[in-house]
Protein backbone atom coordinates (compact mmCIF):
# COMPACT_ATOMS: atom_id res chain seq x y z
CA MET A 1 136.15 56.10 81.45
CA THR A 2 137.63 59.02 79.60
CA CYS A 3 139.49 61.85 81.44
CA SER A 4 136.95 64.22 80.36
CA LYS A 5 134.15 62.40 81.87
CA THR A 6 136.10 61.58 85.25
CA TYR A 7 136.91 65.37 85.39
CA ARG A 8 133.00 66.29 85.01
CA ILE A 9 132.07 63.69 87.65
CA SER A 10 134.74 64.75 89.93
CA LYS A 11 133.53 68.34 89.53
CA LEU A 12 129.97 67.53 90.12
CA LEU A 13 130.80 65.59 93.38
CA PHE A 14 132.97 68.40 94.58
CA LEU A 15 130.28 70.96 94.01
CA THR A 16 127.61 68.61 95.80
CA LEU A 17 129.92 68.26 98.89
CA LEU A 18 130.54 72.01 98.85
CA ILE A 19 126.85 72.82 98.80
CA SER A 20 126.10 70.30 101.44
CA PHE A 21 128.97 71.68 103.68
CA ILE A 22 127.90 75.45 103.58
CA GLY A 23 124.31 74.47 103.88
CA PHE A 24 123.12 76.61 100.85
CA ASN A 25 119.71 75.91 99.57
CA PRO A 26 118.40 77.96 96.81
CA THR A 27 114.93 76.77 97.37
CA LYS A 28 115.03 77.39 101.13
CA LEU A 29 116.57 80.92 100.41
CA TYR A 30 113.82 81.85 98.02
CA SER A 31 111.20 80.64 100.63
CA GLN A 32 112.69 82.57 103.25
CA LYS A 33 112.82 85.96 101.20
CA LYS A 34 108.90 85.12 100.43
CA SER A 35 107.91 84.42 104.05
CA LYS A 36 108.37 87.71 105.37
CA LYS A 37 105.18 88.64 107.34
CA SER A 38 103.56 91.92 108.30
CA LYS A 39 103.73 92.78 112.06
CA ARG A 40 100.64 94.57 112.00
CA VAL A 41 97.89 95.63 109.80
CA ILE A 42 95.46 98.55 110.54
CA VAL A 43 92.31 98.87 108.59
CA LEU A 44 91.10 102.36 108.27
CA GLY A 45 87.36 102.22 107.58
CA LEU A 46 85.68 105.51 106.47
CA ASP A 47 82.00 104.83 105.78
CA GLY A 48 80.53 106.44 102.54
CA LEU A 49 83.74 107.77 101.37
CA SER A 50 83.38 108.54 97.72
CA VAL A 51 85.97 109.01 94.89
CA GLU A 52 84.91 112.57 94.42
CA GLY A 53 84.87 113.38 98.11
CA TYR A 54 88.31 111.96 98.47
CA ASN A 55 89.63 113.91 95.53
CA THR A 56 87.91 117.12 96.86
CA ALA A 57 88.69 116.98 100.57
CA LYS A 58 92.09 117.99 102.12
CA HIS A 59 93.63 115.14 103.90
CA PRO A 60 97.44 115.66 104.24
CA ASN A 61 97.89 112.58 106.53
CA LEU A 62 96.16 110.09 104.02
CA ASP A 63 98.25 111.84 101.31
CA MET A 64 101.36 110.92 103.40
CA LEU A 65 100.27 107.42 103.78
CA MET A 66 99.48 107.14 100.00
CA ALA A 67 102.88 108.47 99.12
CA ASN A 68 104.27 105.10 100.41
CA GLY A 69 101.68 102.90 98.87
CA VAL A 70 99.13 102.34 96.11
CA ILE A 71 95.59 103.87 95.81
CA SER A 72 92.58 102.73 93.67
CA PHE A 73 89.98 105.05 92.26
CA THR A 74 88.08 102.31 90.55
CA THR A 75 87.35 99.72 93.30
CA ARG A 76 83.88 98.30 92.96
CA ALA A 77 81.46 98.00 95.89
CA VAL A 78 79.34 94.72 95.96
CA MET A 79 75.62 94.87 95.40
CA PRO A 80 73.61 96.36 96.64
CA SER A 81 75.69 99.46 97.51
CA VAL A 82 74.43 99.31 101.12
CA THR A 83 76.45 99.51 104.38
CA LEU A 84 76.22 96.15 106.18
CA PRO A 85 76.60 93.88 103.03
CA ASN A 86 79.75 95.81 101.85
CA TRP A 87 81.55 95.96 105.35
CA THR A 88 80.98 92.10 105.53
CA SER A 89 82.34 91.52 102.23
CA HIS A 90 85.33 93.50 103.08
CA LEU A 91 85.95 91.37 106.24
CA THR A 92 84.92 87.93 104.91
CA GLY A 93 86.40 87.83 101.42
CA SER A 94 83.11 87.36 99.88
CA GLY A 95 79.98 88.83 98.49
CA PRO A 96 76.32 88.58 99.81
CA GLU A 97 76.05 85.41 97.42
CA GLN A 98 78.37 83.68 99.89
CA HIS A 99 77.82 85.35 103.25
CA GLY A 100 74.34 86.12 102.88
CA VAL A 101 74.19 89.51 104.36
CA ASP A 102 71.99 91.42 102.08
CA ASN A 103 70.71 94.36 104.05
CA ASN A 104 71.60 96.66 107.22
CA GLY A 105 69.12 94.90 109.37
CA TRP A 106 70.72 91.58 109.19
CA THR A 107 71.25 89.57 112.33
CA LEU A 108 72.12 85.90 112.64
CA ASP A 109 68.63 84.98 113.89
CA LYS A 110 66.77 86.82 111.12
CA LYS A 111 68.94 85.74 108.11
CA VAL A 112 67.06 84.51 104.94
CA LEU A 113 69.75 83.19 102.84
CA PRO A 114 72.16 80.84 104.92
CA PRO A 115 75.77 81.25 104.21
CA VAL A 116 77.60 78.69 101.98
CA VAL A 117 79.68 77.68 104.94
CA GLN A 118 79.53 78.46 108.68
CA ASP A 119 81.35 78.04 111.85
CA ASN A 120 80.03 76.27 115.04
CA ASP A 121 78.02 79.23 115.94
CA GLY A 122 76.40 79.82 112.46
CA TYR A 123 78.85 82.47 111.25
CA TYR A 124 80.36 83.07 107.88
CA PRO A 125 84.20 82.77 108.51
CA SER A 126 85.64 86.19 108.79
CA ILE A 127 89.43 87.36 108.46
CA PHE A 128 89.67 87.38 112.30
CA LYS A 129 88.62 83.68 112.54
CA ILE A 130 90.98 82.72 109.86
CA LEU A 131 94.06 84.41 111.29
CA LYS A 132 93.22 83.05 114.70
CA ASP A 133 92.83 79.62 113.40
CA ASN A 134 96.14 79.76 111.41
CA ASN A 135 98.07 81.46 114.41
CA PRO A 136 96.47 81.62 117.86
CA LYS A 137 99.07 84.21 118.85
CA THR A 138 97.56 86.76 116.42
CA LYS A 139 95.87 89.68 118.22
CA THR A 140 92.58 91.25 116.77
CA ALA A 141 90.72 94.25 117.57
CA TYR A 142 87.48 95.83 116.38
CA TYR A 143 86.55 99.35 116.97
CA TYR A 144 83.33 100.84 115.48
CA ASN A 145 80.44 103.38 116.11
CA TRP A 146 77.53 102.06 114.26
CA GLY A 147 75.79 99.35 116.21
CA ASN A 148 74.84 96.85 113.41
CA LEU A 149 78.33 96.59 112.17
CA ILE A 150 79.32 93.80 114.50
CA HIS A 151 76.27 91.52 113.78
CA PRO A 152 77.94 89.37 110.98
CA ILE A 153 81.09 89.04 113.04
CA ASN A 154 81.78 86.23 115.50
CA GLN A 155 83.29 88.05 118.57
CA LYS A 156 84.90 85.12 119.99
CA TYR A 157 87.70 85.69 117.47
CA LEU A 158 88.31 89.24 118.79
CA ASP A 159 90.61 90.14 121.43
CA GLU A 160 89.25 93.79 121.94
CA VAL A 161 85.96 95.31 120.86
CA ASN A 162 84.83 98.76 121.54
CA PHE A 163 81.59 100.39 120.42
CA LEU A 164 80.99 104.30 120.60
CA GLU A 165 77.52 105.81 119.95
CA ASN A 166 76.95 107.58 116.67
CA ASP A 167 79.50 110.01 115.47
CA LEU A 168 81.80 109.71 118.44
CA TYR A 169 85.07 108.03 117.22
CA LEU A 170 88.29 109.64 118.75
CA GLU A 171 88.38 107.50 121.60
CA ASN A 172 88.70 104.42 119.32
CA TYR A 173 91.79 105.90 117.50
CA GLU A 174 93.20 106.10 120.98
CA LYS A 175 92.30 102.56 121.77
CA ALA A 176 93.60 101.23 118.42
CA PHE A 177 96.97 102.87 119.26
CA LEU A 178 97.21 101.38 122.74
CA PHE A 179 96.12 97.97 121.51
CA ALA A 180 99.10 98.15 118.78
CA GLU A 181 101.55 99.09 121.54
CA LYS A 182 100.38 96.48 123.90
CA ASN A 183 100.73 93.80 121.28
CA ARG A 184 103.75 95.07 119.41
CA ASN A 185 105.34 91.59 119.55
CA ASN A 186 102.45 89.75 118.15
CA PRO A 187 100.87 89.60 114.64
CA THR A 188 98.12 92.09 115.00
CA LEU A 189 95.05 93.11 112.99
CA ILE A 190 93.21 96.20 113.83
CA PHE A 191 89.86 97.18 112.32
CA LEU A 192 89.12 100.88 113.02
CA TYR A 193 85.83 102.25 111.58
CA THR A 194 84.05 105.45 111.78
CA VAL A 195 80.52 106.17 110.39
CA HIS A 196 80.43 109.93 110.68
CA THR A 197 81.37 110.57 107.19
CA ASP A 198 78.39 108.52 105.97
CA HIS A 199 76.11 110.49 108.44
CA ALA A 200 77.30 113.67 107.03
CA GLY A 201 76.31 112.56 103.54
CA HIS A 202 72.81 111.36 104.73
CA GLU A 203 72.07 114.50 106.67
CA HIS A 204 73.67 117.21 104.31
CA LYS A 205 74.22 115.37 101.01
CA TRP A 206 77.24 113.80 99.58
CA MET A 207 79.88 116.46 98.41
CA SER A 208 78.20 119.11 100.62
CA PRO A 209 80.56 121.28 102.70
CA GLU A 210 79.66 119.26 105.77
CA TYR A 211 80.59 116.04 104.04
CA ILE A 212 83.81 117.30 103.04
CA THR A 213 84.55 118.70 106.45
CA ALA A 214 83.69 114.98 107.83
CA ILE A 215 86.28 113.55 105.70
CA GLU A 216 89.03 116.00 106.74
CA ALA A 217 88.22 115.64 110.47
CA ALA A 218 88.78 111.80 109.86
CA ASP A 219 92.16 112.63 108.39
CA VAL A 220 93.22 114.83 111.56
CA ALA A 221 92.29 111.64 113.64
CA ILE A 222 94.33 109.49 111.25
CA GLY A 223 97.15 111.90 111.66
CA LYS A 224 97.14 111.88 115.40
CA LEU A 225 97.15 107.91 115.20
CA ILE A 226 100.16 108.14 112.87
CA ASN A 227 102.05 110.26 115.08
CA ASN A 228 101.43 108.11 118.25
CA LEU A 229 102.55 105.17 116.33
CA LYS A 230 105.75 107.01 115.24
CA SER A 231 106.49 107.94 118.86
CA LYS A 232 106.55 104.25 119.84
CA GLN A 233 108.52 103.14 116.73
CA LEU A 234 105.33 101.26 115.54
CA TYR A 235 104.76 103.05 112.32
CA LYS A 236 107.34 101.89 109.79
CA ASP A 237 106.49 98.28 110.25
CA THR A 238 102.70 98.76 109.86
CA ASN A 239 100.72 98.01 107.05
CA PHE A 240 97.56 100.38 106.34
CA ILE A 241 94.40 99.59 104.33
CA LEU A 242 91.75 102.49 103.59
CA ILE A 243 88.60 101.06 102.74
CA THR A 244 84.81 102.13 102.39
CA ASP A 245 81.54 100.53 101.54
CA HIS A 246 79.92 102.96 98.89
CA GLY A 247 79.74 106.42 97.73
CA GLY A 248 76.58 108.37 97.34
CA VAL A 249 74.06 110.46 95.32
CA GLY A 250 72.03 113.34 97.06
CA LYS A 251 71.35 112.12 100.57
CA GLY A 252 71.36 108.43 99.84
CA HIS A 253 72.94 105.23 98.17
CA GLY A 254 72.03 101.97 97.34
CA GLY A 255 71.70 102.06 93.69
CA MET A 256 74.13 101.10 90.84
CA SER A 257 75.44 104.55 89.70
CA PRO A 258 79.11 105.13 89.54
CA ALA A 259 79.01 107.58 92.23
CA GLU A 260 77.59 104.88 94.54
CA MET A 261 79.38 101.77 93.24
CA ILE A 262 82.95 103.01 92.29
CA ILE A 263 85.02 103.87 95.55
CA PRO A 264 88.52 104.51 96.72
CA TRP A 265 90.67 101.63 98.09
CA ALA A 266 94.34 102.04 99.37
CA LEU A 267 97.03 99.90 100.58
CA THR A 268 100.49 101.10 102.15
CA GLY A 269 103.37 100.04 104.23
CA PRO A 270 106.22 97.36 103.98
CA GLY A 271 106.31 95.29 100.98
CA ILE A 272 104.01 97.67 99.09
CA LYS A 273 104.89 99.71 95.90
CA LYS A 274 105.25 103.43 96.54
CA GLY A 275 103.21 106.37 95.11
CA LYS A 276 101.29 104.11 92.56
CA ILE A 277 97.90 104.14 91.23
CA LEU A 278 96.23 100.65 91.25
CA GLU A 279 95.02 99.90 87.72
CA GLU A 280 94.03 96.42 87.79
CA PRO A 281 90.26 95.53 88.82
CA ASN A 282 89.54 95.59 92.46
CA ASN A 283 86.56 94.65 94.63
CA ASN A 284 85.49 94.88 98.20
CA THR A 285 85.69 91.13 98.38
CA ASN A 286 89.50 91.40 98.00
CA THR A 287 90.34 93.10 101.31
CA SER A 288 90.60 90.00 103.43
CA ALA A 289 92.54 88.18 100.78
CA VAL A 290 95.05 91.07 100.89
CA ILE A 291 95.37 90.90 104.62
CA LEU A 292 95.98 87.12 104.39
CA ARG A 293 98.66 87.99 101.80
CA LEU A 294 100.26 90.58 104.25
CA PHE A 295 100.36 87.95 107.05
CA ASN A 296 101.75 85.42 104.65
CA GLU A 297 98.77 83.04 105.34
CA LYS A 298 98.13 80.86 102.35
CA ASN A 299 95.17 78.74 103.38
CA LYS A 300 92.47 80.96 102.18
CA PRO A 301 89.04 79.39 102.73
CA LYS A 302 87.63 77.71 99.58
CA ALA A 303 84.47 79.78 99.98
CA TRP A 304 86.10 83.01 99.66
CA VAL A 305 85.98 84.72 96.28
CA GLY A 306 88.30 87.53 96.93
CA LYS A 307 91.57 87.90 95.12
CA VAL A 308 94.96 89.73 95.70
CA PRO A 309 95.75 92.53 93.35
CA GLU A 310 99.34 91.53 92.97
CA SER A 311 100.36 94.44 91.28
CA ALA A 312 100.18 96.48 94.43
CA PHE A 313 102.93 94.41 95.88
CA LYS A 314 106.71 94.78 95.29
């Protein structure tokens, strides 16, 4: 064996022993960098929020959130542009073709099209079930003020549920904060929904002064929530997702016009690019896939069709 070969082998052996001694593993280091999980995700759901409405209303608190995140003004609702099919799509990573919820009067015992897969109770798997299955320590909460909204969700996977009648919603914002504080040491998903923006559109027309005022009132409630989170050092490590189900035309929705089908969608918090417009295609079915990504959960159900808009992430 030549001296040159002997030197190369000795050098390789030395490097191998050194790496073993200091415990350096590039693959492990990379995986650790990629495995950072969100501590909590708060989903802010404003029913009937149109792109024009968002761009017209004054919402300093949402503006502050979006300065630390990305926002899309080209996200598509699922068809039909109706409330329950779209909120179900947000929370199940799938469209009506998969979950079978096609109208606002849907209930488990009145379904026409069975879901492509279902749990033992007959429900299509929601984000709450998947997170609980993956990590039983995950805490989940569901706050809403439109009664039908809960029908497609199996409540056994929710740690706290609170329903308020009609346009009352401020109590839910306070409950959401208290839930976040109580479970600060657990992975936490909070769904915080209000219907009053949609009601304003139906009663007074989309883009009426009353509709714009409803959006601005929601922003005030969001601001109070943010301040409460900041007071308990819960804000900086929280991811927020702003979602809606549809826009509107006149006093209604349900059609295929851009004003009904194209809606805002936003994501902010740790690990998200700051102050960016989301350019890639996005859909309401993507929301649950994004939540899984935030919690670093990789076993997305095969039936789900939602995808992660990766350009939103750092």
